[in-house]
Amino acid sequence: MAKRAWLLVIVGVFGALVVWRQSRPQAPPRLLQWTNVVALVAPPAGLAWERLDAHPAVKEAVQGVDPERLREALEDAGLQGLWVAVSPERAAGAERPLAKRLASGGVVRGLRGEALTTDGLLYVVDETQWPVAISDRVLARVARSILEGSAPPPLGAFPEELTQPQAVEVLVLLSGGRGPRLWRSARAQSIAEGLTTAALAARERWEERTETMGGPLADRLDQFDVEVAFLFDDGTFDPGALSLIDALVKSQHGVAYEQPVRWRYLLPRATRAADTPTDAYRRLFRDNDLPEDSFERRDTRLYRLRMQTVSIDQGSAGSRRARVPSGSPAAAPPPVAAPPDE
């Protein structure tokens, strides 16, 4: 009888262990590629990320408010990023500790969102090489020259900072007193390549719609500001985290999705114009001939989009404001994103 009782106890313990293991959060595939990550909270099963106490300098920095100090601490420790609890709040001011800003889904300079899940958020160090001041003033002037009809300069003619290999998405936008008129973005392996590809695509699109746009581009270009910006992927929504879209898409974000042969997005201004980020997604789906409830399509990755203007060449009747523009773009087949024009 005693043996039978012990056997029942062993079976019960084993069964409980199996249930416990199965109930633990499993790591989404997007997290598995990251190894050198410090975890502020327990990561999903299968991830051997170090805890915060193992890195005192990082712990001190993430409890402070200086993003540059946090980035330096991560790099000094050989770490790629941080895993934080998800604590969605709409407000994420710069005066709050970085740990709380990250947990709320906020934007922190030097880091970018990688994975957005119900168990936590993964932020990684942003490796983008920004152009030096003298170079970034060149970008919009080069874009205007291409829009005017000139051939793109050879890559060797650009400053070295603009031809360094790095994966980027560059946006070229024409805006006037009433806001954005036409824009295109291009994904490329250097800033210079992305700039020329996006500018050529914008010129081609205007030529396709000359009558609708009010005449030849050469006759109207001087009226517009030419703006150049970088677009950043700031975190992919895990399929189980769709309920967090409204909380984690902040005012600096646009909404975007990617499929095997194309990507589409709304820039921040158009996203803010919607009642909610979820409604912005519905508009994006609708504008691109998808059902409004396409959130759970297996062939579709949903992500947040950030935009950083780096260069403006003002026209005679442009906006005259050095601000971050945005509109309601979707995208064209790679490598150029091609929104419907307003």
Protein backbone atom coordinates (compact mmCIF):
# COMPACT_ATOMS: atom_id res chain seq x y z
CA MET A 1 0.00 0.00 0.00
CA ALA A 2 2.88 2.33 0.89
CA LYS A 3 4.57 1.61 -2.44
CA ARG A 4 1.38 2.42 -4.26
CA ALA A 5 1.06 5.70 -2.38
CA TRP A 6 4.63 6.67 -3.23
CA LEU A 7 4.05 5.76 -6.87
CA LEU A 8 1.00 8.04 -6.98
CA VAL A 9 3.05 10.85 -5.42
CA ILE A 10 5.85 10.44 -7.98
CA VAL A 11 3.39 10.36 -10.88
CA GLY A 12 1.65 13.44 -9.51
CA VAL A 13 4.92 15.36 -9.13
CA PHE A 14 6.04 14.37 -12.61
CA GLY A 15 2.69 15.41 -14.06
CA ALA A 16 2.85 18.76 -12.28
CA LEU A 17 6.37 19.32 -13.62
CA VAL A 18 5.20 18.62 -17.17
CA VAL A 19 2.25 20.99 -16.78
CA TRP A 20 4.53 23.68 -15.31
CA ARG A 21 7.01 23.40 -18.17
CA GLN A 22 4.26 23.52 -20.77
CA SER A 23 2.69 26.55 -19.11
CA ARG A 24 5.94 28.56 -19.10
CA PRO A 25 6.10 31.21 -21.84
CA GLN A 26 7.95 29.85 -24.87
CA ALA A 27 10.37 32.14 -26.65
CA PRO A 28 8.99 33.60 -29.89
CA PRO A 29 11.28 32.77 -32.84
CA ARG A 30 12.26 36.44 -33.17
CA LEU A 31 13.94 36.31 -29.74
CA LEU A 32 16.06 33.22 -30.32
CA GLN A 33 18.63 34.99 -32.52
CA TRP A 34 19.63 37.32 -29.67
CA THR A 35 22.12 35.94 -27.17
CA ASN A 36 23.93 38.82 -25.42
CA VAL A 37 20.89 40.33 -23.73
CA VAL A 38 20.44 41.44 -20.13
CA ALA A 39 17.03 40.62 -18.63
CA LEU A 40 15.34 42.97 -16.17
CA VAL A 41 12.63 40.33 -15.71
CA ALA A 42 12.60 36.57 -16.33
CA PRO A 43 12.77 35.81 -20.08
CA PRO A 44 10.66 33.14 -21.80
CA ALA A 45 11.79 29.53 -21.49
CA GLY A 46 14.74 28.54 -23.63
CA LEU A 47 16.60 31.85 -23.33
CA ALA A 48 19.70 31.94 -21.13
CA TRP A 49 19.88 35.71 -20.82
CA GLU A 50 21.83 37.12 -17.88
CA ARG A 51 19.95 38.94 -15.14
CA LEU A 52 20.45 42.63 -14.46
CA ASP A 53 22.33 42.11 -11.18
CA ALA A 54 25.23 40.60 -13.16
CA HIS A 55 25.87 44.01 -14.75
CA PRO A 56 25.97 46.76 -12.09
CA ALA A 57 26.85 49.55 -14.56
CA VAL A 58 23.90 48.66 -16.78
CA LYS A 59 21.62 48.42 -13.72
CA GLU A 60 22.62 51.88 -12.57
CA ALA A 61 22.24 53.38 -16.06
CA VAL A 62 18.81 51.86 -16.78
CA GLN A 63 17.53 53.26 -13.48
CA GLY A 64 18.69 56.73 -14.57
CA VAL A 65 17.52 59.03 -17.36
CA ASP A 66 20.58 59.32 -19.66
CA PRO A 67 20.19 57.19 -22.84
CA GLU A 68 23.80 57.71 -23.90
CA ARG A 69 25.07 56.40 -20.58
CA LEU A 70 22.88 53.30 -20.93
CA ARG A 71 24.12 52.62 -24.45
CA GLU A 72 27.74 52.97 -23.34
CA ALA A 73 27.16 50.61 -20.40
CA LEU A 74 25.62 48.01 -22.71
CA GLU A 75 28.47 48.26 -25.21
CA ASP A 76 31.14 48.11 -22.46
CA ALA A 77 29.51 44.92 -21.17
CA GLY A 78 29.37 43.39 -24.65
CA LEU A 79 25.58 43.33 -24.58
CA GLN A 80 23.24 43.70 -27.56
CA GLY A 81 20.12 44.78 -25.72
CA LEU A 82 17.66 44.61 -22.83
CA TRP A 83 14.59 42.54 -22.03
CA VAL A 84 12.09 44.50 -19.95
CA ALA A 85 8.66 43.89 -18.48
CA VAL A 86 5.76 45.25 -20.49
CA SER A 87 3.89 47.95 -18.58
CA PRO A 88 1.99 49.91 -21.22
CA GLU A 89 1.34 53.55 -20.43
CA ARG A 90 0.60 56.33 -22.87
CA ALA A 91 2.93 58.81 -21.14
CA ALA A 92 6.66 58.08 -21.41
CA GLY A 93 8.37 61.40 -20.69
CA ALA A 94 12.12 61.96 -20.75
CA GLU A 95 12.13 62.67 -17.00
CA ARG A 96 11.14 59.10 -16.15
CA PRO A 97 13.73 56.36 -15.46
CA LEU A 98 14.79 54.58 -18.64
CA ALA A 99 13.55 51.22 -17.33
CA LYS A 100 10.01 52.61 -17.04
CA ARG A 101 10.20 54.36 -20.41
CA LEU A 102 11.27 51.12 -22.06
CA ALA A 103 8.62 49.06 -20.25
CA SER A 104 5.93 51.45 -21.49
CA GLY A 105 7.10 51.05 -25.09
CA GLY A 106 8.64 54.51 -25.26
CA VAL A 107 11.29 55.78 -27.65
CA VAL A 108 14.80 55.90 -26.15
CA ARG A 109 17.66 57.39 -28.15
CA GLY A 110 20.31 54.85 -29.16
CA LEU A 111 17.98 51.86 -28.81
CA ARG A 112 15.28 50.43 -31.02
CA GLY A 113 12.48 48.00 -30.37
CA GLU A 114 13.02 44.50 -31.72
CA ALA A 115 10.24 42.30 -30.33
CA LEU A 116 6.97 43.34 -28.64
CA THR A 117 5.31 40.51 -26.71
CA THR A 118 2.89 40.11 -23.80
CA ASP A 119 5.72 38.67 -21.69
CA GLY A 120 8.16 41.51 -22.28
CA LEU A 121 9.78 43.88 -24.74
CA LEU A 122 13.19 43.43 -26.34
CA TYR A 123 15.18 46.57 -27.11
CA VAL A 124 18.53 46.36 -28.92
CA VAL A 125 21.34 48.81 -29.53
CA ASP A 126 20.72 50.82 -32.70
CA GLU A 127 23.78 50.36 -34.91
CA THR A 128 22.80 52.99 -37.50
CA GLN A 129 25.79 55.13 -38.51
CA TRP A 130 24.50 58.69 -38.66
CA PRO A 131 26.05 61.06 -41.21
CA VAL A 132 28.20 63.88 -39.89
CA ALA A 133 26.69 67.38 -39.95
CA ILE A 134 28.45 68.47 -43.14
CA SER A 135 27.24 65.35 -44.93
CA ASP A 136 23.62 65.38 -43.85
CA ARG A 137 23.16 68.87 -45.32
CA VAL A 138 24.14 67.38 -48.67
CA LEU A 139 21.35 64.81 -48.76
CA ALA A 140 18.36 67.01 -49.61
CA ARG A 141 20.34 69.00 -52.19
CA VAL A 142 21.31 65.78 -53.95
CA ALA A 143 17.70 64.59 -53.85
CA ARG A 144 16.50 67.90 -55.35
CA SER A 145 19.05 67.64 -58.16
CA ILE A 146 17.82 64.14 -59.04
CA LEU A 147 14.20 65.31 -58.90
CA GLU A 148 15.12 68.12 -61.30
CA GLY A 149 16.17 65.48 -63.83
CA SER A 150 19.90 65.16 -63.26
CA ALA A 151 21.53 61.75 -63.29
CA PRO A 152 22.35 60.44 -59.81
CA PRO A 153 25.96 61.05 -58.83
CA PRO A 154 28.15 57.92 -58.71
CA LEU A 155 28.50 56.42 -55.25
CA GLY A 156 32.17 57.39 -55.25
CA ALA A 157 31.17 61.06 -55.35
CA PHE A 158 29.43 60.86 -51.95
CA PRO A 159 31.24 61.45 -48.65
CA GLU A 160 32.51 58.19 -47.21
CA GLU A 161 30.05 58.40 -44.31
CA LEU A 162 27.17 58.03 -46.76
CA THR A 163 28.53 54.96 -48.55
CA GLN A 164 29.43 52.88 -45.50
CA PRO A 165 27.68 49.50 -45.71
CA GLN A 166 24.61 49.38 -43.46
CA ALA A 167 21.00 48.36 -43.95
CA VAL A 168 18.89 51.53 -44.11
CA GLU A 169 15.57 52.79 -45.40
CA VAL A 170 15.72 56.33 -46.80
CA LEU A 171 12.65 58.50 -47.46
CA VAL A 172 12.50 61.40 -49.91
CA LEU A 173 9.48 63.66 -49.42
CA LEU A 174 8.18 66.77 -51.22
CA SER A 175 6.08 69.09 -49.08
CA GLY A 176 4.48 72.48 -49.59
CA GLY A 177 2.49 74.91 -47.51
CA ARG A 178 -0.38 72.42 -47.22
CA GLY A 179 1.80 69.52 -46.20
CA PRO A 180 3.31 66.48 -47.93
CA ARG A 181 2.54 66.04 -51.62
CA LEU A 182 4.58 63.03 -52.71
CA TRP A 183 7.15 60.71 -51.14
CA ARG A 184 9.00 57.47 -51.71
CA SER A 185 11.30 55.36 -49.58
CA ALA A 186 13.93 52.81 -50.53
CA ARG A 187 15.68 50.06 -48.62
CA ALA A 188 19.36 49.80 -49.45
CA GLN A 189 22.81 48.87 -48.15
CA SER A 190 24.03 52.45 -47.76
CA ILE A 191 22.56 55.90 -47.22
CA ALA A 192 23.77 57.08 -50.63
CA GLU A 193 22.18 54.14 -52.45
CA GLY A 194 18.88 54.54 -50.60
CA LEU A 195 18.82 58.27 -51.29
CA THR A 196 19.32 57.96 -55.04
CA THR A 197 16.85 55.08 -55.37
CA ALA A 198 14.13 56.90 -53.42
CA ALA A 199 14.66 60.18 -55.33
CA LEU A 200 14.47 58.42 -58.70
CA ALA A 201 11.31 56.62 -57.62
CA ALA A 202 9.71 59.91 -56.49
CA ARG A 203 10.57 61.53 -59.82
CA GLU A 204 9.14 58.60 -61.74
CA ARG A 205 5.94 58.65 -59.70
CA TRP A 206 5.40 62.35 -60.35
CA GLU A 207 5.92 61.78 -64.06
CA GLU A 208 3.31 59.01 -64.01
CA ARG A 209 0.80 61.40 -62.42
CA THR A 210 1.83 64.70 -64.00
CA GLU A 211 -1.72 65.87 -64.70
CA THR A 212 -2.99 64.92 -61.26
CA MET A 213 -0.02 66.60 -59.60
CA GLY A 214 -0.68 69.91 -61.37
CA GLY A 215 1.93 69.86 -64.13
CA PRO A 216 5.50 68.77 -64.82
CA LEU A 217 7.73 68.40 -61.80
CA ALA A 218 10.36 70.71 -63.29
CA ASP A 219 7.81 73.54 -63.29
CA ARG A 220 6.75 73.00 -59.68
CA LEU A 221 9.73 71.62 -57.82
CA ASP A 222 11.03 75.00 -56.69
CA GLN A 223 7.81 75.48 -54.71
CA PHE A 224 8.43 72.45 -52.51
CA ASP A 225 10.69 71.61 -49.61
CA VAL A 226 12.67 68.46 -50.29
CA GLU A 227 13.12 66.43 -47.12
CA VAL A 228 15.22 63.33 -46.49
CA ALA A 229 14.52 61.04 -43.55
CA PHE A 230 15.46 57.62 -42.22
CA LEU A 231 12.73 55.09 -41.45
CA PHE A 232 13.35 52.60 -38.62
CA ASP A 233 11.73 49.34 -37.67
CA ASP A 234 10.99 49.90 -33.95
CA GLY A 235 9.60 46.56 -32.90
CA THR A 236 7.63 43.65 -34.33
CA PHE A 237 4.35 42.71 -32.66
CA ASP A 238 4.23 39.07 -31.60
CA PRO A 239 0.98 37.45 -32.86
CA GLY A 240 -0.16 37.14 -29.25
CA ALA A 241 0.45 40.83 -28.51
CA LEU A 242 -2.03 42.46 -30.89
CA SER A 243 -4.00 43.74 -27.89
CA LEU A 244 -0.99 45.96 -27.07
CA ILE A 245 -0.98 47.87 -30.36
CA ASP A 246 -2.86 50.89 -29.05
CA ALA A 247 -0.66 51.13 -25.95
CA LEU A 248 2.73 50.56 -27.58
CA VAL A 249 2.36 52.69 -30.71
CA LYS A 250 3.39 56.12 -29.41
CA SER A 251 2.99 59.55 -30.99
CA GLN A 252 6.44 59.21 -32.62
CA HIS A 253 5.42 55.99 -34.38
CA GLY A 254 3.80 55.04 -37.61
CA VAL A 255 2.21 51.65 -38.23
CA ALA A 256 3.56 49.21 -40.79
CA TYR A 257 3.35 45.69 -42.09
CA GLU A 258 5.60 43.53 -44.23
CA GLN A 259 4.83 40.59 -46.49
CA PRO A 260 7.24 38.43 -48.50
CA VAL A 261 7.23 40.70 -51.57
CA ARG A 262 6.24 44.12 -50.25
CA TRP A 263 5.96 46.40 -47.26
CA ARG A 264 3.42 49.09 -46.46
CA TYR A 265 3.21 51.84 -43.82
CA LEU A 266 1.59 54.98 -42.52
CA LEU A 267 3.97 57.65 -41.30
CA PRO A 268 3.45 59.15 -37.81
CA ARG A 269 1.23 62.04 -38.89
CA ALA A 270 -1.29 59.78 -40.61
CA THR A 271 -1.16 57.33 -37.71
CA ARG A 272 -1.92 60.11 -35.23
CA ALA A 273 -4.85 61.25 -37.40
CA ALA A 274 -6.62 57.93 -36.83
CA ASP A 275 -8.78 57.44 -33.74
CA THR A 276 -6.40 54.73 -32.52
CA PRO A 277 -3.31 52.94 -33.86
CA THR A 278 -5.53 49.90 -34.42
CA ASP A 279 -7.78 52.05 -36.62
CA ALA A 280 -4.66 53.28 -38.43
CA TYR A 281 -3.81 49.66 -39.22
CA ARG A 282 -7.35 49.10 -40.52
CA ARG A 283 -6.93 52.08 -42.83
CA LEU A 284 -3.55 50.77 -43.99
CA PHE A 285 -5.04 47.36 -44.78
CA ARG A 286 -8.00 48.93 -46.57
CA ASP A 287 -5.78 51.25 -48.65
CA ASN A 288 -3.84 48.23 -49.86
CA ASP A 289 -6.81 46.02 -50.74
CA LEU A 290 -6.61 43.80 -47.68
CA PRO A 291 -9.50 43.01 -45.34
CA GLU A 292 -9.58 45.36 -42.36
CA ASP A 293 -9.19 42.39 -40.00
CA SER A 294 -5.86 41.25 -41.49
CA PHE A 295 -4.05 41.47 -38.16
CA GLU A 296 -3.50 37.71 -37.84
CA ARG A 297 -2.43 36.82 -41.37
CA ARG A 298 0.42 34.32 -41.24
CA ASP A 299 2.23 35.97 -44.15
CA THR A 300 2.21 39.41 -42.50
CA ARG A 301 4.55 40.95 -39.94
CA LEU A 302 3.18 43.96 -38.05
CA TYR A 303 5.68 46.48 -36.73
CA ARG A 304 6.09 50.02 -35.41
CA LEU A 305 7.82 52.57 -37.63
CA ARG A 306 9.97 55.49 -36.52
CA MET A 307 10.98 58.41 -38.71
CA GLN A 308 13.96 60.73 -38.32
CA THR A 309 14.39 63.71 -40.66
CA VAL A 310 18.06 64.35 -41.36
CA SER A 311 18.08 66.94 -44.16
CA ILE A 312 15.79 69.65 -45.60
CA ASP A 313 16.29 71.80 -48.69
CA GLN A 314 13.63 74.49 -48.60
CA GLY A 315 11.68 75.63 -51.63
CA SER A 316 10.17 79.00 -52.40
CA ALA A 317 6.71 78.04 -51.09
CA GLY A 318 7.48 75.09 -48.83
CA SER A 319 6.60 74.60 -45.21
CA ARG A 320 9.61 76.66 -43.99
CA ARG A 321 9.65 74.49 -40.88
CA ALA A 322 12.43 72.08 -39.96
CA ARG A 323 10.08 69.50 -38.52
CA VAL A 324 9.50 65.78 -38.91
CA PRO A 325 6.95 65.40 -41.71
CA SER A 326 4.65 62.48 -42.16
CA GLY A 327 1.71 61.44 -44.24
CA SER A 328 -0.12 58.32 -45.26
CA PRO A 329 2.20 56.21 -47.38
CA ALA A 330 1.90 52.63 -48.30
CA ALA A 331 4.68 50.94 -50.23
CA ALA A 332 5.62 49.54 -53.61
CA PRO A 333 7.55 46.38 -54.46
CA PRO A 334 11.08 46.32 -53.08
CA PRO A 335 13.34 48.12 -52.98
CA VAL A 336 11.08 51.18 -53.07
CA ALA A 337 8.15 51.96 -50.79
CA ALA A 338 5.51 53.82 -52.76
CA PRO A 339 2.57 55.44 -50.94
CA PRO A 340 -0.59 56.78 -52.54
CA ASP A 341 -0.10 60.51 -53.02
CA GLU A 342 -2.22 63.11 -51.30
